[in-house]
Amino acid sequence: MRKDREYNDGFTHKGMRKILVDTLRDKGITDEMVLDAINSIPRHFFLESAFEKIAYENRAFPISADQTISHPYTVAYQTQLLQIKKGDKVLEIGTGSIYQTTILAALGAQWVYTIERQKKLFDEQKEYYHFRKQYPNIKFFYGDGFKGLPTYAPFDKILITAAAPFVPPLLVEQLKPGGLMVIPVDEGDAQRMMRITKNLDGTLNEELFEEFSFVPMLQGKNV
């Protein structure tokens, strides 16, 4: 994490982002608002400086607490499925590096509530002064993602950024009727991306998409 470095987003970084966006478009990302958000967020700033020259390759990188920042394609894919609308209230499970979090905020969500179970990562998030100032609509919480945030529910959209062994029932309860949840489900080396729509009568529709690989979603908090 680059907490002691000045915020720097130069022409070289912007050029690399444009190439990344073109790559994502070629891979099938069609939501231009999602692509614009990725084009506007300096991914290199969420990584160690050693990765700066390769920060815009479509690959995952290690961050603190043995976690990862996801492939840009994964971020774009999940975000596209979530269909963020201006004014949405969004719950994100797994803040990580806050890169995905800022993408959600850049898309115009009214509020992004994000939960991180790793205390080290949660504490590091306080150092992202530039992004916390730019996106005051992001609210950070240290806690158990399986429990969600019932005090702030219901949510229009819920995004899970780790491999869930099952769909957490408390998160389903906190999803607003008419809302969407995007979650990678299953244990093992690969997970199927699922989108859940909560109907107005409380019933659920489930759609399955591509396979991805995520770090596991764990219960409780890690101090």
Protein backbone atom coordinates (compact mmCIF):
# COMPACT_ATOMS: atom_id res chain seq x y z
CA MET A 1 0.00 0.00 0.00
CA ARG A 2 1.25 3.45 -0.93
CA LYS A 3 0.09 5.38 2.12
CA ASP A 4 3.33 7.37 2.41
CA ARG A 5 3.51 8.37 -1.27
CA GLU A 6 2.01 11.47 -2.81
CA TYR A 7 -1.00 11.01 -5.06
CA ASN A 8 0.37 10.94 -8.61
CA ASP A 9 -1.62 10.13 -11.73
CA GLY A 10 0.30 11.19 -14.81
CA PHE A 11 -0.07 10.84 -18.57
CA THR A 12 1.69 7.47 -18.53
CA HIS A 13 -0.80 6.05 -16.02
CA LYS A 14 -3.74 7.43 -17.99
CA GLY A 15 -2.38 5.93 -21.19
CA MET A 16 -2.03 2.52 -19.53
CA ARG A 17 -5.60 2.78 -18.26
CA LYS A 18 -6.87 3.46 -21.76
CA ILE A 19 -5.15 0.31 -22.99
CA LEU A 20 -6.68 -1.62 -20.08
CA VAL A 21 -10.15 -0.32 -20.93
CA ASP A 22 -9.69 -1.37 -24.56
CA THR A 23 -8.65 -4.83 -23.33
CA LEU A 24 -11.73 -5.12 -21.12
CA ARG A 25 -13.96 -4.06 -23.99
CA ASP A 26 -12.37 -6.72 -26.20
CA LYS A 27 -13.03 -9.32 -23.47
CA GLY A 28 -16.74 -8.54 -23.53
CA ILE A 29 -17.37 -5.73 -21.04
CA THR A 30 -20.05 -3.62 -22.70
CA ASP A 31 -21.21 -1.23 -19.97
CA GLU A 32 -19.58 2.06 -20.94
CA MET A 33 -20.26 3.57 -17.51
CA VAL A 34 -18.27 0.76 -15.90
CA LEU A 35 -15.46 1.24 -18.41
CA ASP A 36 -15.47 5.00 -17.77
CA ALA A 37 -15.23 4.40 -14.02
CA ILE A 38 -12.26 2.06 -14.48
CA ASN A 39 -10.66 4.63 -16.78
CA SER A 40 -11.01 7.26 -14.06
CA ILE A 41 -9.60 5.32 -11.08
CA PRO A 42 -5.77 5.03 -10.76
CA ARG A 43 -5.34 1.34 -9.95
CA HIS A 44 -1.58 1.75 -9.45
CA PHE A 45 -2.21 3.79 -6.34
CA PHE A 46 -3.77 0.80 -4.57
CA LEU A 47 -0.65 -1.33 -5.09
CA GLU A 48 2.90 -1.34 -3.85
CA SER A 49 5.13 0.91 -5.96
CA ALA A 50 7.05 -2.15 -7.21
CA PHE A 51 3.96 -3.08 -9.27
CA GLU A 52 3.43 0.37 -10.77
CA LYS A 53 4.66 -0.44 -14.29
CA ILE A 54 2.43 -3.50 -14.52
CA ALA A 55 -0.52 -2.20 -12.48
CA TYR A 56 -2.77 -2.01 -15.53
CA GLU A 57 -2.24 -5.54 -16.73
CA ASN A 58 -5.27 -7.77 -16.36
CA ARG A 59 -3.95 -9.66 -13.37
CA ALA A 60 -4.38 -9.90 -9.62
CA PHE A 61 -1.76 -8.60 -7.19
CA PRO A 62 -1.06 -9.30 -3.52
CA ILE A 63 -2.06 -6.78 -0.89
CA SER A 64 -1.78 -6.90 2.91
CA ALA A 65 -3.13 -9.72 5.10
CA ASP A 66 -2.53 -12.36 2.39
CA GLN A 67 -5.36 -10.93 0.30
CA THR A 68 -5.43 -9.81 -3.34
CA ILE A 69 -6.67 -7.01 -5.53
CA SER A 70 -8.77 -8.71 -8.19
CA HIS A 71 -8.15 -8.78 -11.93
CA PRO A 72 -9.59 -5.66 -13.58
CA TYR A 73 -11.75 -7.97 -15.70
CA THR A 74 -13.20 -9.51 -12.54
CA VAL A 75 -13.92 -6.07 -11.10
CA ALA A 76 -15.55 -4.93 -14.34
CA TYR A 77 -17.53 -8.16 -14.71
CA GLN A 78 -18.99 -8.08 -11.20
CA THR A 79 -19.73 -4.38 -11.44
CA GLN A 80 -21.46 -4.77 -14.79
CA LEU A 81 -23.68 -7.53 -13.38
CA LEU A 82 -24.58 -5.33 -10.40
CA GLN A 83 -26.09 -2.60 -12.63
CA ILE A 84 -25.33 0.33 -10.33
CA LYS A 85 -27.76 3.22 -10.73
CA LYS A 86 -27.33 6.76 -9.45
CA GLY A 87 -28.79 6.96 -5.97
CA ASP A 88 -28.32 3.27 -5.15
CA LYS A 89 -27.43 2.25 -1.61
CA VAL A 90 -24.79 -0.46 -1.96
CA LEU A 91 -23.28 -2.96 0.48
CA GLU A 92 -19.87 -4.38 -0.37
CA ILE A 93 -18.50 -7.41 1.47
CA GLY A 94 -14.69 -7.43 1.41
CA THR A 95 -13.21 -3.94 1.12
CA GLY A 96 -9.69 -5.15 0.43
CA SER A 97 -7.63 -2.43 -1.23
CA ILE A 98 -10.75 -0.18 -1.73
CA TYR A 99 -10.22 -0.26 -5.52
CA GLN A 100 -13.56 -1.97 -6.20
CA THR A 101 -15.15 0.27 -3.58
CA THR A 102 -14.13 3.44 -5.39
CA ILE A 103 -15.41 2.02 -8.70
CA LEU A 104 -18.85 1.63 -7.10
CA ALA A 105 -18.73 5.16 -5.76
CA ALA A 106 -17.55 6.55 -9.10
CA LEU A 107 -20.62 5.03 -10.76
CA GLY A 108 -22.86 7.33 -8.75
CA ALA A 109 -24.04 5.16 -5.85
CA GLN A 110 -25.47 7.43 -3.20
CA TRP A 111 -23.85 5.38 -0.44
CA VAL A 112 -21.35 2.55 -0.48
CA TYR A 113 -21.17 0.67 2.82
CA THR A 114 -18.16 -1.63 2.81
CA ILE A 115 -17.15 -4.28 5.37
CA GLU A 116 -13.64 -5.66 5.91
CA ARG A 117 -12.92 -8.52 8.33
CA GLN A 118 -9.11 -8.11 8.25
CA LYS A 119 -8.13 -5.53 10.89
CA LYS A 120 -4.85 -4.77 9.12
CA LEU A 121 -6.62 -3.93 5.88
CA PHE A 122 -9.31 -1.95 7.67
CA ASP A 123 -6.68 0.17 9.42
CA GLU A 124 -4.79 0.76 6.17
CA GLN A 125 -7.92 2.08 4.49
CA LYS A 126 -7.74 5.13 6.74
CA GLU A 127 -4.58 6.19 4.90
CA TYR A 128 -6.29 6.67 1.53
CA TYR A 129 -6.87 10.35 2.20
CA HIS A 130 -7.33 11.35 -1.43
CA PHE A 131 -10.08 8.83 -2.15
CA ARG A 132 -11.85 9.27 1.17
CA LYS A 133 -12.06 13.00 0.43
CA GLN A 134 -13.12 12.47 -3.18
CA TYR A 135 -15.79 9.91 -2.24
CA PRO A 136 -17.28 10.88 1.14
CA ASN A 137 -20.23 8.62 0.30
CA ILE A 138 -18.09 5.56 1.17
CA LYS A 139 -18.60 4.33 4.73
CA PHE A 140 -16.06 1.83 6.12
CA PHE A 141 -16.81 -0.89 8.67
CA TYR A 142 -14.73 -3.56 10.41
CA GLY A 143 -16.83 -6.65 10.88
CA ASP A 144 -18.18 -10.01 9.76
CA GLY A 145 -19.42 -9.85 6.18
CA PHE A 146 -21.77 -12.81 6.71
CA LYS A 147 -23.76 -10.62 9.13
CA GLY A 148 -23.91 -7.58 6.85
CA LEU A 149 -25.08 -4.27 8.28
CA PRO A 150 -28.70 -4.70 9.43
CA THR A 151 -28.74 -1.20 10.94
CA TYR A 152 -28.29 0.33 7.48
CA ALA A 153 -30.44 -2.13 5.52
CA PRO A 154 -32.17 -2.53 3.16
CA PHE A 155 -29.71 -2.19 0.27
CA ASP A 156 -30.45 -1.77 -3.42
CA LYS A 157 -27.36 -3.75 -4.39
CA ILE A 158 -25.01 -6.13 -2.54
CA LEU A 159 -21.60 -7.17 -3.87
CA ILE A 160 -19.50 -9.98 -2.38
CA THR A 161 -15.84 -9.95 -3.40
CA ALA A 162 -14.79 -13.30 -1.91
CA ALA A 163 -15.68 -16.95 -2.56
CA ALA A 164 -18.76 -17.71 -0.49
CA PRO A 165 -19.40 -21.35 0.49
CA PHE A 166 -23.14 -20.54 0.41
CA VAL A 167 -25.38 -17.51 -0.03
CA PRO A 168 -25.49 -15.84 3.41
CA PRO A 169 -29.16 -15.70 4.50
CA LEU A 170 -28.67 -12.50 6.52
CA LEU A 171 -27.45 -10.72 3.39
CA VAL A 172 -30.52 -11.90 1.47
CA GLU A 173 -32.67 -10.44 4.25
CA GLN A 174 -30.86 -7.11 3.92
CA LEU A 175 -31.44 -6.91 0.15
CA LYS A 176 -34.31 -4.63 -0.82
CA PRO A 177 -37.18 -6.15 -2.85
CA GLY A 178 -36.24 -5.48 -6.45
CA GLY A 179 -32.56 -5.43 -5.52
CA LEU A 180 -29.59 -7.36 -6.91
CA MET A 181 -26.81 -9.35 -5.24
CA VAL A 182 -23.67 -10.49 -7.10
CA ILE A 183 -21.74 -13.25 -5.38
CA PRO A 184 -19.13 -15.88 -6.37
CA VAL A 185 -20.39 -19.13 -4.87
CA ASP A 186 -18.68 -22.43 -4.07
CA GLU A 187 -15.52 -23.66 -2.42
CA GLY A 188 -12.45 -24.97 -4.21
CA ASP A 189 -10.32 -23.50 -6.97
CA ALA A 190 -13.15 -21.92 -8.97
CA GLN A 191 -16.47 -20.28 -8.19
CA ARG A 192 -19.49 -19.64 -10.35
CA MET A 193 -20.56 -16.00 -10.48
CA MET A 194 -24.18 -15.72 -9.41
CA ARG A 195 -26.61 -12.84 -9.62
CA ILE A 196 -29.61 -12.97 -7.31
CA THR A 197 -32.67 -10.83 -7.91
CA LYS A 198 -35.02 -10.39 -4.97
CA ASN A 199 -38.55 -10.17 -6.30
CA LEU A 200 -41.16 -7.86 -4.82
CA ASP A 201 -42.83 -10.84 -3.12
CA GLY A 202 -39.54 -11.87 -1.47
CA THR A 203 -38.81 -14.82 -3.76
CA LEU A 204 -35.41 -15.07 -5.45
CA ASN A 205 -34.26 -15.54 -9.02
CA GLU A 206 -30.74 -16.90 -9.51
CA GLU A 207 -28.62 -16.50 -12.66
CA LEU A 208 -25.27 -18.25 -13.16
CA PHE A 209 -22.42 -16.79 -15.19
CA GLU A 210 -18.70 -17.41 -15.74
CA GLU A 211 -16.28 -19.10 -13.35
CA PHE A 212 -13.70 -17.07 -11.42
CA SER A 213 -11.21 -17.66 -8.62
CA PHE A 214 -11.47 -15.69 -5.36
CA VAL A 215 -9.97 -15.84 -1.90
CA PRO A 216 -12.43 -17.52 0.50
CA MET A 217 -15.09 -15.61 2.37
CA LEU A 218 -14.63 -16.39 6.06
CA GLN A 219 -16.86 -15.82 9.04
CA GLY A 220 -15.95 -13.65 12.01
CA LYS A 221 -13.33 -10.92 12.30
CA ASN A 222 -9.57 -11.32 12.05
CA VAL A 223 -7.68 -9.14 14.50
